[in-house]
């Protein structure tokens, strides 16, 4: 799983997320929203299963690399942020919630 540990502003919102942010979440659990890469989407949607272990990778930072590990706690489901025009990860081409383009 790829994350950006340093600040990056999208639509006025800081979208940084590091392994420390994950650990700070309730039950150290967070949805993986904003994935806009088809290969990653396909893996999340079709292959990741509850209990799978993943590498947590920091990118777009001074020292990119594996920052830790995580465990999948829910199988892929539609990324609702793609339909929210106010959200940084909104995708204007994702118009049909019954046939979602993006998954988290």
N, C-alpha and C. Protein backbone atom coordinates (compact mmCIF):
# COMPACT_ATOMS: atom_id res chain seq x y z
N UNK A 1 0.85 -1.16 0.00
CA UNK A 1 0.00 0.00 0.00
C UNK A 1 0.90 1.23 0.00
N UNK A 2 0.63 2.16 -0.88
CA UNK A 2 1.45 3.35 -1.04
C UNK A 2 0.81 4.54 -0.31
N UNK A 3 1.63 5.32 0.35
CA UNK A 3 1.13 6.51 1.06
C UNK A 3 2.14 7.65 0.92
N UNK A 4 1.65 8.85 1.13
CA UNK A 4 2.49 10.04 1.06
C UNK A 4 2.61 10.64 2.45
N UNK A 5 3.79 10.52 3.09
CA UNK A 5 3.93 11.01 4.46
C UNK A 5 4.16 12.51 4.58
N UNK A 6 4.42 13.19 3.46
CA UNK A 6 4.65 14.63 3.51
C UNK A 6 3.46 15.37 2.91
N UNK A 7 3.24 16.56 3.38
CA UNK A 7 2.07 17.34 2.97
C UNK A 7 2.00 17.53 1.46
N UNK A 8 0.78 17.37 0.95
CA UNK A 8 0.46 17.68 -0.46
C UNK A 8 -0.98 18.15 -0.45
N UNK A 9 -1.20 19.33 -0.97
CA UNK A 9 -2.52 19.94 -0.94
C UNK A 9 -3.25 19.64 -2.25
N UNK A 10 -4.46 19.08 -2.13
CA UNK A 10 -5.33 18.82 -3.27
C UNK A 10 -6.69 19.42 -2.93
N UNK A 11 -7.16 20.33 -3.79
CA UNK A 11 -8.43 21.03 -3.55
C UNK A 11 -8.49 21.64 -2.15
N UNK A 12 -7.37 22.20 -1.71
CA UNK A 12 -7.33 22.88 -0.43
C UNK A 12 -7.22 21.96 0.78
N UNK A 13 -7.07 20.67 0.56
CA UNK A 13 -6.99 19.72 1.67
C UNK A 13 -5.65 18.99 1.63
N UNK A 14 -5.03 18.86 2.80
CA UNK A 14 -3.78 18.12 2.89
C UNK A 14 -4.09 16.63 2.83
N UNK A 15 -3.53 15.94 1.85
CA UNK A 15 -3.84 14.51 1.65
C UNK A 15 -2.71 13.61 2.14
N UNK A 16 -1.80 14.15 2.92
CA UNK A 16 -0.71 13.31 3.43
C UNK A 16 -1.27 12.22 4.33
N UNK A 17 -0.60 11.08 4.31
CA UNK A 17 -1.00 9.97 5.18
C UNK A 17 0.21 9.07 5.33
N UNK A 18 0.67 8.92 6.57
CA UNK A 18 1.85 8.10 6.84
C UNK A 18 1.47 6.91 7.69
N UNK A 19 2.43 6.04 7.91
CA UNK A 19 2.16 4.90 8.77
C UNK A 19 1.85 5.36 10.19
N UNK A 20 2.43 6.49 10.61
CA UNK A 20 2.10 7.05 11.93
C UNK A 20 0.64 7.49 11.98
N UNK A 21 0.14 8.05 10.87
CA UNK A 21 -1.27 8.42 10.80
C UNK A 21 -2.15 7.18 10.90
N UNK A 22 -1.74 6.09 10.26
CA UNK A 22 -2.51 4.85 10.35
C UNK A 22 -2.55 4.35 11.78
N UNK A 23 -1.40 4.33 12.45
CA UNK A 23 -1.36 3.87 13.85
C UNK A 23 -2.23 4.73 14.76
N UNK A 24 -2.38 6.02 14.42
CA UNK A 24 -3.16 6.93 15.24
C UNK A 24 -4.67 6.76 15.05
N UNK A 25 -5.08 6.07 13.99
CA UNK A 25 -6.51 5.87 13.73
C UNK A 25 -7.10 4.87 14.72
N UNK A 26 -8.41 4.98 14.95
CA UNK A 26 -9.10 4.02 15.82
C UNK A 26 -8.83 2.61 15.31
N UNK A 27 -8.38 1.74 16.17
CA UNK A 27 -8.04 0.36 15.83
C UNK A 27 -6.97 0.26 14.75
N UNK A 28 -6.22 1.35 14.55
CA UNK A 28 -5.20 1.41 13.49
C UNK A 28 -5.77 0.96 12.15
N UNK A 29 -6.98 1.43 11.86
CA UNK A 29 -7.69 1.04 10.64
C UNK A 29 -8.15 2.28 9.89
N UNK A 30 -7.99 2.25 8.57
CA UNK A 30 -8.40 3.37 7.74
C UNK A 30 -8.76 2.86 6.35
N UNK A 31 -9.76 3.47 5.70
CA UNK A 31 -10.01 3.12 4.30
C UNK A 31 -8.85 3.64 3.45
N UNK A 32 -8.64 2.99 2.32
CA UNK A 32 -7.57 3.41 1.42
C UNK A 32 -8.20 4.13 0.24
N UNK A 33 -8.64 5.37 0.47
CA UNK A 33 -9.33 6.12 -0.57
C UNK A 33 -8.35 6.80 -1.51
N UNK A 34 -8.85 7.21 -2.64
CA UNK A 34 -8.05 8.00 -3.57
C UNK A 34 -7.14 7.22 -4.50
N UNK A 35 -7.25 5.90 -4.52
CA UNK A 35 -6.42 5.11 -5.45
C UNK A 35 -6.94 5.36 -6.86
N UNK A 36 -6.12 5.95 -7.71
CA UNK A 36 -6.53 6.28 -9.07
C UNK A 36 -5.55 5.67 -10.08
N UNK A 37 -5.20 4.45 -9.83
CA UNK A 37 -4.33 3.67 -10.70
C UNK A 37 -5.05 2.36 -10.97
N UNK A 38 -5.24 2.03 -12.24
CA UNK A 38 -6.06 0.86 -12.59
C UNK A 38 -5.46 -0.44 -12.09
N UNK A 39 -4.16 -0.61 -12.18
CA UNK A 39 -3.55 -1.86 -11.71
C UNK A 39 -3.74 -2.01 -10.20
N UNK A 40 -3.49 -0.94 -9.45
CA UNK A 40 -3.70 -1.00 -7.99
C UNK A 40 -5.18 -1.24 -7.67
N UNK A 41 -6.07 -0.56 -8.39
CA UNK A 41 -7.51 -0.77 -8.20
C UNK A 41 -7.89 -2.23 -8.41
N UNK A 42 -7.37 -2.83 -9.48
CA UNK A 42 -7.71 -4.23 -9.77
C UNK A 42 -7.22 -5.17 -8.67
N UNK A 43 -6.04 -4.92 -8.16
CA UNK A 43 -5.51 -5.75 -7.08
C UNK A 43 -6.37 -5.59 -5.83
N UNK A 44 -6.69 -4.35 -5.48
CA UNK A 44 -7.53 -4.11 -4.29
C UNK A 44 -8.91 -4.74 -4.46
N UNK A 45 -9.48 -4.60 -5.63
CA UNK A 45 -10.84 -5.08 -5.89
C UNK A 45 -10.90 -6.61 -6.00
N UNK A 46 -9.92 -7.20 -6.69
CA UNK A 46 -10.02 -8.60 -7.08
C UNK A 46 -9.16 -9.58 -6.28
N UNK A 47 -8.09 -9.09 -5.66
CA UNK A 47 -7.14 -10.03 -5.07
C UNK A 47 -6.96 -9.91 -3.57
N UNK A 48 -7.03 -8.71 -3.02
CA UNK A 48 -6.79 -8.55 -1.59
C UNK A 48 -7.93 -9.15 -0.79
N UNK A 49 -7.57 -9.96 0.19
CA UNK A 49 -8.55 -10.63 1.03
C UNK A 49 -8.28 -10.30 2.49
N UNK A 50 -9.30 -10.37 3.31
CA UNK A 50 -9.16 -10.13 4.75
C UNK A 50 -8.06 -11.04 5.30
N UNK A 51 -7.17 -10.44 6.06
CA UNK A 51 -6.07 -11.20 6.66
C UNK A 51 -4.78 -11.13 5.87
N UNK A 52 -4.85 -10.71 4.59
CA UNK A 52 -3.63 -10.57 3.80
C UNK A 52 -2.72 -9.53 4.43
N UNK A 53 -1.43 -9.76 4.36
CA UNK A 53 -0.43 -8.81 4.83
C UNK A 53 0.07 -7.99 3.65
N UNK A 54 0.28 -6.70 3.88
CA UNK A 54 0.78 -5.81 2.83
C UNK A 54 1.92 -4.96 3.37
N UNK A 55 2.76 -4.51 2.46
CA UNK A 55 3.82 -3.56 2.82
C UNK A 55 3.23 -2.16 2.74
N UNK A 56 3.52 -1.33 3.71
CA UNK A 56 3.08 0.06 3.74
C UNK A 56 4.27 0.88 3.25
N UNK A 57 4.11 1.48 2.07
CA UNK A 57 5.21 2.15 1.37
C UNK A 57 5.01 3.66 1.38
N UNK A 58 6.04 4.39 1.82
CA UNK A 58 6.01 5.85 1.75
C UNK A 58 6.59 6.29 0.42
N UNK A 59 5.85 7.14 -0.30
CA UNK A 59 6.33 7.68 -1.58
C UNK A 59 6.25 9.19 -1.55
N UNK A 60 6.79 9.83 -2.58
CA UNK A 60 6.76 11.30 -2.69
C UNK A 60 7.31 11.96 -1.43
N UNK A 61 8.44 11.44 -0.95
CA UNK A 61 9.08 12.01 0.24
C UNK A 61 10.60 11.91 0.08
N UNK A 62 11.33 12.45 1.04
CA UNK A 62 12.79 12.46 0.95
C UNK A 62 13.38 11.06 0.98
N UNK A 63 12.79 10.17 1.78
CA UNK A 63 13.29 8.80 1.90
C UNK A 63 12.18 7.81 1.59
N UNK A 64 11.85 7.60 0.31
CA UNK A 64 10.79 6.65 -0.02
C UNK A 64 11.22 5.23 0.31
N UNK A 65 10.23 4.41 0.65
CA UNK A 65 10.51 3.01 0.93
C UNK A 65 9.47 2.42 1.85
N UNK A 66 9.66 1.16 2.20
CA UNK A 66 8.74 0.46 3.08
C UNK A 66 8.87 1.03 4.49
N UNK A 67 7.73 1.46 5.05
CA UNK A 67 7.71 2.06 6.38
C UNK A 67 7.16 1.09 7.43
N UNK A 68 6.54 0.01 6.98
CA UNK A 68 5.98 -0.96 7.90
C UNK A 68 5.07 -1.93 7.17
N UNK A 69 4.31 -2.65 7.94
CA UNK A 69 3.36 -3.61 7.35
C UNK A 69 1.96 -3.31 7.87
N UNK A 70 0.98 -3.85 7.16
CA UNK A 70 -0.42 -3.69 7.56
C UNK A 70 -1.15 -4.98 7.20
N UNK A 71 -2.34 -5.11 7.74
CA UNK A 71 -3.18 -6.28 7.47
C UNK A 71 -4.50 -5.81 6.89
N UNK A 72 -4.96 -6.46 5.84
CA UNK A 72 -6.24 -6.12 5.22
C UNK A 72 -7.37 -6.56 6.16
N UNK A 73 -8.28 -5.62 6.47
CA UNK A 73 -9.39 -5.93 7.39
C UNK A 73 -10.74 -5.92 6.69
N UNK A 74 -10.76 -5.50 5.42
CA UNK A 74 -12.00 -5.50 4.65
C UNK A 74 -11.64 -5.63 3.18
N UNK A 75 -12.41 -6.44 2.46
CA UNK A 75 -12.15 -6.58 1.03
C UNK A 75 -12.59 -5.33 0.29
N UNK A 76 -12.08 -5.15 -0.92
CA UNK A 76 -12.33 -3.95 -1.70
C UNK A 76 -13.81 -3.63 -1.88
N UNK A 77 -14.12 -2.35 -1.85
CA UNK A 77 -15.49 -1.85 -2.05
C UNK A 77 -15.38 -0.52 -2.77
N UNK A 78 -16.48 -0.06 -3.41
CA UNK A 78 -16.42 1.17 -4.20
C UNK A 78 -15.91 2.38 -3.39
N UNK A 79 -15.07 3.16 -4.01
CA UNK A 79 -14.53 4.37 -3.40
C UNK A 79 -15.53 5.50 -3.58
N UNK A 80 -16.30 5.74 -2.55
CA UNK A 80 -17.36 6.75 -2.60
C UNK A 80 -16.81 8.16 -2.78
N UNK A 81 -15.52 8.39 -2.50
CA UNK A 81 -14.97 9.73 -2.65
C UNK A 81 -14.92 10.15 -4.12
N UNK A 82 -14.95 9.18 -5.02
CA UNK A 82 -14.92 9.49 -6.46
C UNK A 82 -16.18 10.23 -6.90
N UNK A 83 -17.27 10.11 -6.13
CA UNK A 83 -18.55 10.72 -6.49
C UNK A 83 -18.82 12.03 -5.75
N UNK A 84 -17.92 12.42 -4.85
CA UNK A 84 -18.11 13.61 -4.02
C UNK A 84 -17.31 14.78 -4.60
N UNK A 85 -18.00 15.71 -5.25
CA UNK A 85 -17.33 16.83 -5.93
C UNK A 85 -16.50 17.69 -4.98
N UNK A 86 -16.78 17.64 -3.69
CA UNK A 86 -16.03 18.43 -2.72
C UNK A 86 -14.78 17.71 -2.23
N UNK A 87 -14.66 16.43 -2.52
CA UNK A 87 -13.54 15.64 -2.01
C UNK A 87 -12.32 15.77 -2.92
N UNK A 88 -11.10 15.76 -2.35
CA UNK A 88 -9.89 15.87 -3.17
C UNK A 88 -9.76 14.77 -4.22
N UNK A 89 -10.35 13.61 -3.98
CA UNK A 89 -10.21 12.49 -4.91
C UNK A 89 -11.42 12.31 -5.83
N UNK A 90 -12.22 13.35 -5.94
CA UNK A 90 -13.38 13.33 -6.85
C UNK A 90 -12.92 13.04 -8.27
N UNK A 91 -13.69 12.22 -8.98
CA UNK A 91 -13.41 11.91 -10.38
C UNK A 91 -14.66 12.22 -11.19
N UNK A 92 -14.62 13.31 -11.93
CA UNK A 92 -15.78 13.76 -12.71
C UNK A 92 -16.23 12.73 -13.74
N UNK A 93 -15.35 11.81 -14.11
CA UNK A 93 -15.72 10.78 -15.08
C UNK A 93 -16.36 9.56 -14.43
N UNK A 94 -16.37 9.53 -13.11
CA UNK A 94 -17.06 8.45 -12.37
C UNK A 94 -18.47 8.94 -12.07
N UNK A 95 -19.40 8.53 -12.89
CA UNK A 95 -20.74 9.09 -12.78
C UNK A 95 -21.80 8.10 -12.32
N UNK A 96 -21.49 6.81 -12.32
CA UNK A 96 -22.51 5.81 -12.01
C UNK A 96 -22.12 4.99 -10.78
N UNK A 97 -22.70 5.31 -9.61
CA UNK A 97 -22.38 4.54 -8.40
C UNK A 97 -22.73 3.05 -8.51
N UNK A 98 -23.61 2.70 -9.42
CA UNK A 98 -23.97 1.30 -9.60
C UNK A 98 -22.93 0.54 -10.42
N UNK A 99 -22.03 1.28 -11.06
CA UNK A 99 -20.94 0.68 -11.82
C UNK A 99 -19.66 1.46 -11.51
N UNK A 100 -19.16 1.30 -10.28
CA UNK A 100 -18.03 2.14 -9.83
C UNK A 100 -16.74 1.88 -10.60
N UNK A 101 -16.02 2.95 -10.82
CA UNK A 101 -14.75 2.87 -11.53
C UNK A 101 -13.59 2.62 -10.54
N UNK A 102 -13.73 3.16 -9.33
CA UNK A 102 -12.64 3.11 -8.36
C UNK A 102 -13.07 2.37 -7.09
N UNK A 103 -12.09 1.68 -6.49
CA UNK A 103 -12.34 0.91 -5.26
C UNK A 103 -11.33 1.31 -4.20
N UNK A 104 -11.69 1.04 -2.95
CA UNK A 104 -10.78 1.26 -1.83
C UNK A 104 -10.67 -0.01 -1.03
